[in-house]
Amino acid sequence: MSGPKLGRPGKKKQTKIEKKQEYQDNTDRIEVEREFSVEKHSYGLGLIVTKLEETQLTSIALSVLTANLFKMQRRILCALLSLLEGFPEEISGKLVMVT
């Protein structure tokens, strides 16, 4: 992310390319912050109370790994369920779906 230059803004106006780059940076930043917010709320990142930096980084990495595993599990489950919809009733009727 590039971002604006620090300090007092100059008299020169932003070009169209600079405005587009700033807009793209803001949208990328919002997406990342939203993902962290979801992980803090859903996967307990807000509950990390470790004191050492190394332990904090390990806890955060494990939480991100857990979130990614849940996403992969959801994708695999959706793919399997979409495959089952194409089978006859006697085959798909034997499987038990847990929600």
N, C-alpha and C. Protein backbone atom coordinates (compact mmCIF):
# COMPACT_ATOMS: atom_id res chain seq x y z
N MET A 1 0.84 -1.16 0.00
CA MET A 1 0.00 0.00 0.00
C MET A 1 0.89 1.23 0.00
N SER A 2 0.56 2.13 -0.84
CA SER A 2 1.39 3.31 -0.98
C SER A 2 1.05 4.36 0.06
N GLY A 3 -0.17 4.88 0.05
CA GLY A 3 -0.61 5.87 1.03
C GLY A 3 -0.08 7.26 0.72
N PRO A 4 -0.67 8.25 1.37
CA PRO A 4 -0.25 9.63 1.12
C PRO A 4 1.08 9.92 1.78
N LYS A 5 1.76 10.96 1.30
CA LYS A 5 3.01 11.38 1.91
C LYS A 5 2.71 12.05 3.23
N LEU A 6 3.63 11.87 4.18
CA LEU A 6 3.43 12.44 5.50
C LEU A 6 3.78 13.93 5.48
N GLY A 7 3.24 14.64 6.40
CA GLY A 7 3.54 16.07 6.51
C GLY A 7 2.42 16.93 5.95
N ARG A 8 2.74 18.19 5.84
CA ARG A 8 1.76 19.16 5.34
C ARG A 8 1.49 18.92 3.86
N PRO A 9 0.21 18.91 3.47
CA PRO A 9 -0.09 18.69 2.06
C PRO A 9 0.44 19.83 1.20
N GLY A 10 0.95 19.47 0.04
CA GLY A 10 1.49 20.47 -0.87
C GLY A 10 0.41 21.19 -1.64
N LYS A 11 0.84 22.19 -2.40
CA LYS A 11 -0.11 22.97 -3.19
C LYS A 11 -0.52 22.21 -4.45
N LYS A 12 0.30 21.24 -4.84
CA LYS A 12 0.01 20.48 -6.06
C LYS A 12 -1.19 19.57 -5.82
N LYS A 13 -2.13 19.54 -6.75
CA LYS A 13 -3.31 18.69 -6.63
C LYS A 13 -2.95 17.26 -7.06
N GLN A 14 -3.72 16.31 -6.54
CA GLN A 14 -3.50 14.91 -6.89
C GLN A 14 -3.91 14.66 -8.33
N THR A 15 -3.13 13.82 -9.00
CA THR A 15 -3.49 13.43 -10.35
C THR A 15 -4.54 12.32 -10.28
N LYS A 16 -5.10 12.01 -11.43
CA LYS A 16 -6.13 10.97 -11.50
C LYS A 16 -5.54 9.61 -11.09
N ILE A 17 -4.30 9.35 -11.47
CA ILE A 17 -3.65 8.07 -11.14
C ILE A 17 -3.43 7.98 -9.63
N GLU A 18 -2.99 9.08 -9.01
CA GLU A 18 -2.76 9.07 -7.57
C GLU A 18 -4.06 8.87 -6.81
N LYS A 19 -5.14 9.50 -7.26
CA LYS A 19 -6.45 9.32 -6.62
C LYS A 19 -6.92 7.88 -6.73
N LYS A 20 -6.71 7.28 -7.92
CA LYS A 20 -7.12 5.90 -8.13
C LYS A 20 -6.32 4.96 -7.22
N GLN A 21 -5.01 5.24 -7.10
CA GLN A 21 -4.16 4.41 -6.23
C GLN A 21 -4.58 4.55 -4.77
N GLU A 22 -4.89 5.76 -4.34
CA GLU A 22 -5.34 5.98 -2.96
C GLU A 22 -6.66 5.27 -2.69
N TYR A 23 -7.58 5.31 -3.65
CA TYR A 23 -8.86 4.62 -3.51
C TYR A 23 -8.64 3.12 -3.39
N GLN A 24 -7.76 2.55 -4.23
CA GLN A 24 -7.48 1.11 -4.19
C GLN A 24 -6.84 0.72 -2.86
N ASP A 25 -5.93 1.56 -2.35
CA ASP A 25 -5.32 1.29 -1.06
C ASP A 25 -6.37 1.27 0.05
N ASN A 26 -7.30 2.22 0.01
CA ASN A 26 -8.34 2.27 1.03
C ASN A 26 -9.25 1.04 0.97
N THR A 27 -9.62 0.60 -0.21
CA THR A 27 -10.47 -0.58 -0.32
C THR A 27 -9.74 -1.84 0.18
N ASP A 28 -8.45 -1.94 -0.13
CA ASP A 28 -7.66 -3.08 0.36
C ASP A 28 -7.57 -3.05 1.88
N ARG A 29 -7.34 -1.88 2.44
CA ARG A 29 -7.22 -1.75 3.89
C ARG A 29 -8.54 -2.10 4.58
N ILE A 30 -9.66 -1.66 4.02
CA ILE A 30 -10.96 -1.95 4.60
C ILE A 30 -11.22 -3.45 4.60
N GLU A 31 -10.85 -4.12 3.52
CA GLU A 31 -11.07 -5.57 3.42
C GLU A 31 -10.26 -6.31 4.48
N VAL A 32 -9.01 -5.90 4.68
CA VAL A 32 -8.16 -6.55 5.67
C VAL A 32 -8.69 -6.30 7.08
N GLU A 33 -9.08 -5.05 7.37
CA GLU A 33 -9.60 -4.73 8.70
C GLU A 33 -10.91 -5.46 8.98
N ARG A 34 -11.74 -5.64 7.96
CA ARG A 34 -12.98 -6.38 8.15
C ARG A 34 -12.69 -7.83 8.50
N GLU A 35 -11.71 -8.43 7.82
CA GLU A 35 -11.36 -9.82 8.09
C GLU A 35 -10.84 -9.97 9.52
N PHE A 36 -10.02 -9.04 9.99
CA PHE A 36 -9.55 -9.09 11.37
C PHE A 36 -10.70 -8.94 12.35
N SER A 37 -11.66 -8.08 12.03
CA SER A 37 -12.81 -7.89 12.90
C SER A 37 -13.63 -9.17 13.01
N VAL A 38 -13.84 -9.84 11.89
CA VAL A 38 -14.59 -11.11 11.91
C VAL A 38 -13.84 -12.15 12.72
N GLU A 39 -12.52 -12.22 12.54
CA GLU A 39 -11.75 -13.21 13.29
C GLU A 39 -11.73 -12.89 14.78
N LYS A 40 -11.66 -11.62 15.14
CA LYS A 40 -11.70 -11.26 16.55
C LYS A 40 -13.03 -11.66 17.17
N HIS A 41 -14.10 -11.43 16.44
CA HIS A 41 -15.43 -11.73 16.98
C HIS A 41 -15.73 -13.22 16.96
N SER A 42 -15.46 -13.88 15.84
CA SER A 42 -15.88 -15.28 15.67
C SER A 42 -14.89 -16.29 16.23
N TYR A 43 -13.60 -16.01 16.09
CA TYR A 43 -12.60 -17.02 16.43
C TYR A 43 -11.80 -16.67 17.67
N GLY A 44 -12.17 -15.61 18.39
CA GLY A 44 -11.57 -15.34 19.68
C GLY A 44 -10.25 -14.61 19.65
N LEU A 45 -9.94 -13.87 18.58
CA LEU A 45 -8.69 -13.11 18.58
C LEU A 45 -8.71 -12.00 19.62
N GLY A 46 -9.89 -11.54 19.99
CA GLY A 46 -9.98 -10.49 21.00
C GLY A 46 -9.69 -10.99 22.41
N LEU A 47 -9.61 -12.28 22.58
CA LEU A 47 -9.38 -12.87 23.90
C LEU A 47 -7.91 -13.17 24.18
N ILE A 48 -7.03 -12.79 23.28
CA ILE A 48 -5.60 -13.07 23.46
C ILE A 48 -5.06 -12.15 24.54
N VAL A 49 -4.55 -12.72 25.61
CA VAL A 49 -4.02 -11.93 26.72
C VAL A 49 -2.59 -12.34 27.05
N THR A 50 -1.87 -12.88 26.09
CA THR A 50 -0.49 -13.29 26.33
C THR A 50 0.39 -12.04 26.43
N LYS A 51 1.51 -12.17 27.14
CA LYS A 51 2.36 -11.02 27.40
C LYS A 51 3.57 -10.96 26.49
N LEU A 52 4.14 -12.08 26.16
CA LEU A 52 5.33 -12.08 25.31
C LEU A 52 4.93 -11.91 23.85
N GLU A 53 5.74 -11.16 23.11
CA GLU A 53 5.43 -10.90 21.70
C GLU A 53 5.40 -12.20 20.89
N GLU A 54 6.35 -13.08 21.18
CA GLU A 54 6.42 -14.35 20.45
C GLU A 54 5.16 -15.18 20.67
N THR A 55 4.67 -15.20 21.91
CA THR A 55 3.47 -15.95 22.23
C THR A 55 2.24 -15.32 21.58
N GLN A 56 2.19 -13.99 21.53
CA GLN A 56 1.08 -13.30 20.87
C GLN A 56 1.05 -13.65 19.39
N LEU A 57 2.21 -13.60 18.75
CA LEU A 57 2.27 -13.91 17.32
C LEU A 57 1.86 -15.35 17.05
N THR A 58 2.25 -16.25 17.93
CA THR A 58 1.86 -17.65 17.78
C THR A 58 0.35 -17.81 17.93
N SER A 59 -0.23 -17.13 18.91
CA SER A 59 -1.68 -17.21 19.11
C SER A 59 -2.43 -16.64 17.92
N ILE A 60 -1.96 -15.53 17.39
CA ILE A 60 -2.61 -14.93 16.23
C ILE A 60 -2.49 -15.85 15.02
N ALA A 61 -1.32 -16.43 14.81
CA ALA A 61 -1.12 -17.33 13.67
C ALA A 61 -2.04 -18.55 13.78
N LEU A 62 -2.19 -19.09 14.98
CA LEU A 62 -3.07 -20.25 15.16
C LEU A 62 -4.53 -19.86 14.93
N SER A 63 -4.92 -18.66 15.34
CA SER A 63 -6.29 -18.22 15.10
C SER A 63 -6.57 -18.03 13.61
N VAL A 64 -5.60 -17.47 12.90
CA VAL A 64 -5.76 -17.30 11.45
C VAL A 64 -5.81 -18.66 10.76
N LEU A 65 -4.97 -19.59 11.20
CA LEU A 65 -4.99 -20.94 10.65
C LEU A 65 -6.35 -21.60 10.89
N THR A 66 -6.90 -21.44 12.08
CA THR A 66 -8.21 -22.00 12.40
C THR A 66 -9.29 -21.41 11.51
N ALA A 67 -9.24 -20.10 11.31
CA ALA A 67 -10.23 -19.44 10.44
C ALA A 67 -10.14 -19.97 9.02
N ASN A 68 -8.91 -20.14 8.52
CA ASN A 68 -8.74 -20.67 7.17
C ASN A 68 -9.22 -22.11 7.06
N LEU A 69 -9.00 -22.91 8.10
CA LEU A 69 -9.48 -24.29 8.08
C LEU A 69 -11.00 -24.35 8.06
N PHE A 70 -11.66 -23.46 8.81
CA PHE A 70 -13.12 -23.41 8.78
C PHE A 70 -13.62 -23.03 7.38
N LYS A 71 -12.93 -22.09 6.74
CA LYS A 71 -13.33 -21.68 5.38
C LYS A 71 -13.16 -22.84 4.40
N MET A 72 -12.04 -23.57 4.51
CA MET A 72 -11.82 -24.71 3.63
C MET A 72 -12.86 -25.80 3.87
N GLN A 73 -13.18 -26.04 5.13
CA GLN A 73 -14.19 -27.04 5.48
C GLN A 73 -15.54 -26.66 4.88
N ARG A 74 -15.90 -25.40 4.96
CA ARG A 74 -17.17 -24.94 4.41
C ARG A 74 -17.22 -25.14 2.90
N ARG A 75 -16.10 -24.84 2.22
CA ARG A 75 -16.06 -25.01 0.76
C ARG A 75 -16.18 -26.47 0.37
N ILE A 76 -15.48 -27.35 1.09
CA ILE A 76 -15.53 -28.78 0.79
C ILE A 76 -16.94 -29.33 1.03
N LEU A 77 -17.55 -28.91 2.14
CA LEU A 77 -18.90 -29.37 2.45
C LEU A 77 -19.90 -28.91 1.39
N CYS A 78 -19.77 -27.66 0.95
CA CYS A 78 -20.67 -27.15 -0.10
C CYS A 78 -20.48 -27.91 -1.41
N ALA A 79 -19.23 -28.23 -1.74
CA ALA A 79 -18.97 -28.98 -2.97
C ALA A 79 -19.56 -30.39 -2.88
N LEU A 80 -19.41 -31.04 -1.73
CA LEU A 80 -19.98 -32.38 -1.56
C LEU A 80 -21.50 -32.36 -1.62
N LEU A 81 -22.10 -31.37 -0.98
CA LEU A 81 -23.56 -31.28 -1.01
C LEU A 81 -24.07 -30.99 -2.41
N SER A 82 -23.35 -30.20 -3.18
CA SER A 82 -23.79 -29.94 -4.55
C SER A 82 -23.65 -31.19 -5.41
N LEU A 83 -22.65 -32.04 -5.11
CA LEU A 83 -22.53 -33.31 -5.83
C LEU A 83 -23.66 -34.27 -5.48
N LEU A 84 -24.08 -34.27 -4.20
CA LEU A 84 -25.14 -35.17 -3.76
C LEU A 84 -26.49 -34.82 -4.37
N GLU A 85 -26.69 -33.58 -4.72
CA GLU A 85 -27.96 -33.19 -5.32
C GLU A 85 -28.18 -33.86 -6.67
N GLY A 86 -27.11 -34.26 -7.34
CA GLY A 86 -27.24 -34.89 -8.64
C GLY A 86 -27.51 -36.38 -8.58
N PHE A 87 -27.35 -37.01 -7.40
CA PHE A 87 -27.54 -38.45 -7.27
C PHE A 87 -29.01 -38.79 -7.07
N PRO A 88 -29.40 -40.04 -7.39
CA PRO A 88 -30.79 -40.47 -7.13
C PRO A 88 -31.09 -40.47 -5.63
N GLU A 89 -32.36 -40.51 -5.29
CA GLU A 89 -32.81 -40.42 -3.90
C GLU A 89 -32.29 -41.57 -3.04
N GLU A 90 -32.22 -42.79 -3.58
CA GLU A 90 -31.82 -43.92 -2.74
C GLU A 90 -30.37 -43.80 -2.29
N ILE A 91 -29.52 -43.13 -3.07
CA ILE A 91 -28.12 -42.96 -2.66
C ILE A 91 -28.00 -41.83 -1.67
N SER A 92 -28.58 -40.69 -1.99
CA SER A 92 -28.42 -39.53 -1.10
C SER A 92 -29.28 -39.67 0.15
N GLY A 93 -30.30 -40.50 0.13
CA GLY A 93 -31.15 -40.68 1.30
C GLY A 93 -30.46 -41.42 2.43
N LYS A 94 -29.41 -42.20 2.13
CA LYS A 94 -28.71 -42.97 3.15
C LYS A 94 -27.76 -42.11 3.98
N LEU A 95 -27.40 -40.95 3.47
CA LEU A 95 -26.46 -40.10 4.18
C LEU A 95 -27.19 -39.23 5.19
N VAL A 96 -26.56 -39.04 6.32
CA VAL A 96 -27.14 -38.19 7.37
C VAL A 96 -26.41 -36.86 7.34
N MET A 97 -27.16 -35.77 7.20
CA MET A 97 -26.56 -34.45 7.18
C MET A 97 -26.73 -33.83 8.56
N VAL A 98 -25.63 -33.39 9.13
CA VAL A 98 -25.65 -32.74 10.44
C VAL A 98 -25.46 -31.26 10.22
N THR A 99 -26.36 -30.45 10.78
CA THR A 99 -26.23 -28.99 10.65
C THR A 99 -25.94 -28.36 11.96
